[in-house]
Amino acid sequence: MDKRKTLNATLAGLMSVGLLVAANHAQAVPDQPEAWEKCAGVAKKGMNDCGALDGSHGCAGQAKTDNSPEEWVYVPQGTCKKIGGKVAKVKPAKGMDKS
C-alpha cells in the first residue's frame, strides 16, 4: 500500500506543478490590442494584407518581394516601428471603436 500512496502523491504533485506552469503562461499573454497599425515595409513575399499602398494591386498575398515599402500587414499598435516598418494608418480593433 505504501508504494501506491507514494505514487498517488507523486502524481498529484506533478499535476499541481503542471497547473502552476499553465497559470503562469496564461498571464504572460498580452491583452487584445486596442488598435492596429497598417505597417508598411515589413511584409514578406506573398504575405501582405490587402492591397498595395501605391495601388499596384488590390488583394492580400500579392507582394512580389520581401519588405517592399508599398506592401503592408496589420500589427498591434506600437509594434510597427519596433520591427522596422513605417506606420501607414492606425485603426481601432473590432469592438474598440469608441464612436
Protein backbone atom coordinates (compact mmCIF):
# COMPACT_ATOMS: atom_id res chain seq x y z
CA MET A 1 0.00 0.00 0.00
CA ASP A 2 2.86 2.42 0.73
CA LYS A 3 4.00 2.29 -2.90
CA ARG A 4 0.51 3.16 -4.11
CA LYS A 5 0.25 6.13 -1.72
CA THR A 6 3.68 7.34 -2.83
CA LEU A 7 2.69 7.02 -6.48
CA ASN A 8 -0.58 8.92 -5.91
CA ALA A 9 1.23 11.69 -4.03
CA THR A 10 3.83 11.96 -6.80
CA LEU A 11 1.17 12.17 -9.50
CA ALA A 12 -0.77 14.78 -7.53
CA GLY A 13 2.40 16.83 -7.13
CA LEU A 14 3.19 16.64 -10.85
CA MET A 15 -0.35 17.72 -11.72
CA SER A 16 -0.06 20.69 -9.34
CA VAL A 17 3.21 21.79 -10.94
CA GLY A 18 1.64 21.47 -14.38
CA LEU A 19 -1.30 23.66 -13.35
CA LEU A 20 1.02 26.31 -11.90
CA VAL A 21 3.10 26.40 -15.08
CA ALA A 22 -0.05 26.72 -17.20
CA ALA A 23 -1.37 29.53 -15.00
CA ASN A 24 1.90 31.47 -15.27
CA HIS A 25 1.96 31.01 -19.02
CA ALA A 26 -1.60 32.30 -19.38
CA GLN A 27 -0.68 35.51 -17.56
CA ALA A 28 2.19 36.17 -19.99
CA VAL A 29 -0.17 36.53 -22.97
CA PRO A 30 -0.83 40.21 -23.76
CA ASP A 31 -4.32 41.65 -23.85
CA GLN A 32 -6.05 42.13 -27.19
CA PRO A 33 -4.74 45.33 -28.81
CA GLU A 34 -6.96 48.40 -28.68
CA ALA A 35 -5.78 49.43 -32.15
CA TRP A 36 -3.94 48.03 -35.16
CA GLU A 37 -1.33 49.71 -37.35
CA LYS A 38 -1.07 49.29 -41.08
CA CYS A 39 2.69 48.60 -41.11
CA ALA A 40 4.45 49.10 -44.44
CA GLY A 41 7.83 47.72 -45.43
CA VAL A 42 7.83 44.52 -43.38
CA ALA A 43 5.59 42.14 -45.36
CA LYS A 44 7.27 39.09 -46.85
CA LYS A 45 6.69 37.99 -50.44
CA GLY A 46 3.12 36.76 -50.80
CA MET A 47 2.27 37.56 -47.16
CA ASN A 48 0.84 41.11 -47.37
CA ASP A 49 -2.56 42.13 -46.01
CA CYS A 50 -4.84 43.55 -48.71
CA GLY A 51 -3.83 45.98 -51.48
CA ALA A 52 -0.54 47.80 -52.00
CA LEU A 53 -0.26 51.40 -50.82
CA ASP A 54 0.57 52.55 -54.36
CA GLY A 55 -2.50 50.82 -55.81
CA SER A 56 -0.47 48.38 -57.93
CA HIS A 57 -2.78 45.56 -56.75
CA GLY A 58 -5.83 45.26 -54.53
CA CYS A 59 -5.55 41.88 -52.84
CA ALA A 60 -3.78 40.12 -49.99
CA GLY A 61 -0.96 37.73 -50.77
CA GLN A 62 0.26 39.54 -53.89
CA ALA A 63 3.51 41.09 -52.61
CA LYS A 64 6.17 40.29 -55.20
CA THR A 65 9.21 40.92 -52.95
CA ASP A 66 10.12 40.92 -49.27
CA ASN A 67 9.93 44.24 -47.37
CA SER A 68 8.55 46.37 -50.21
CA PRO A 69 7.73 49.87 -48.90
CA GLU A 70 4.32 49.63 -50.66
CA GLU A 71 3.26 46.34 -49.04
CA TRP A 72 1.89 46.16 -45.51
CA VAL A 73 0.48 43.98 -42.73
CA TYR A 74 -1.64 44.83 -39.68
CA VAL A 75 0.24 44.70 -36.38
CA PRO A 76 -0.79 45.74 -32.85
CA GLN A 77 -0.39 49.47 -32.29
CA GLY A 78 3.12 50.32 -31.09
CA THR A 79 4.73 47.36 -32.86
CA CYS A 80 5.46 48.65 -36.37
CA LYS A 81 8.43 50.90 -35.59
CA LYS A 82 9.88 48.23 -33.29
CA ILE A 83 10.08 45.79 -36.22
CA GLY A 84 11.48 48.33 -38.68
CA GLY A 85 8.31 49.32 -40.53
CA LYS A 86 6.57 52.58 -41.30
CA VAL A 87 3.07 53.25 -39.90
CA ALA A 88 0.72 53.98 -42.81
CA LYS A 89 -2.54 54.10 -40.80
CA VAL A 90 -3.99 53.21 -37.37
CA LYS A 91 -7.46 51.72 -36.88
CA PRO A 92 -9.33 50.64 -33.74
CA ALA A 93 -9.59 46.92 -33.05
CA LYS A 94 -13.02 45.35 -33.51
CA GLY A 95 -15.23 46.18 -30.58
CA MET A 96 -12.91 49.00 -29.51
CA ASP A 97 -14.36 51.77 -31.71
CA LYS A 98 -15.49 54.48 -29.27
CA SER A 99 -17.56 56.45 -31.79
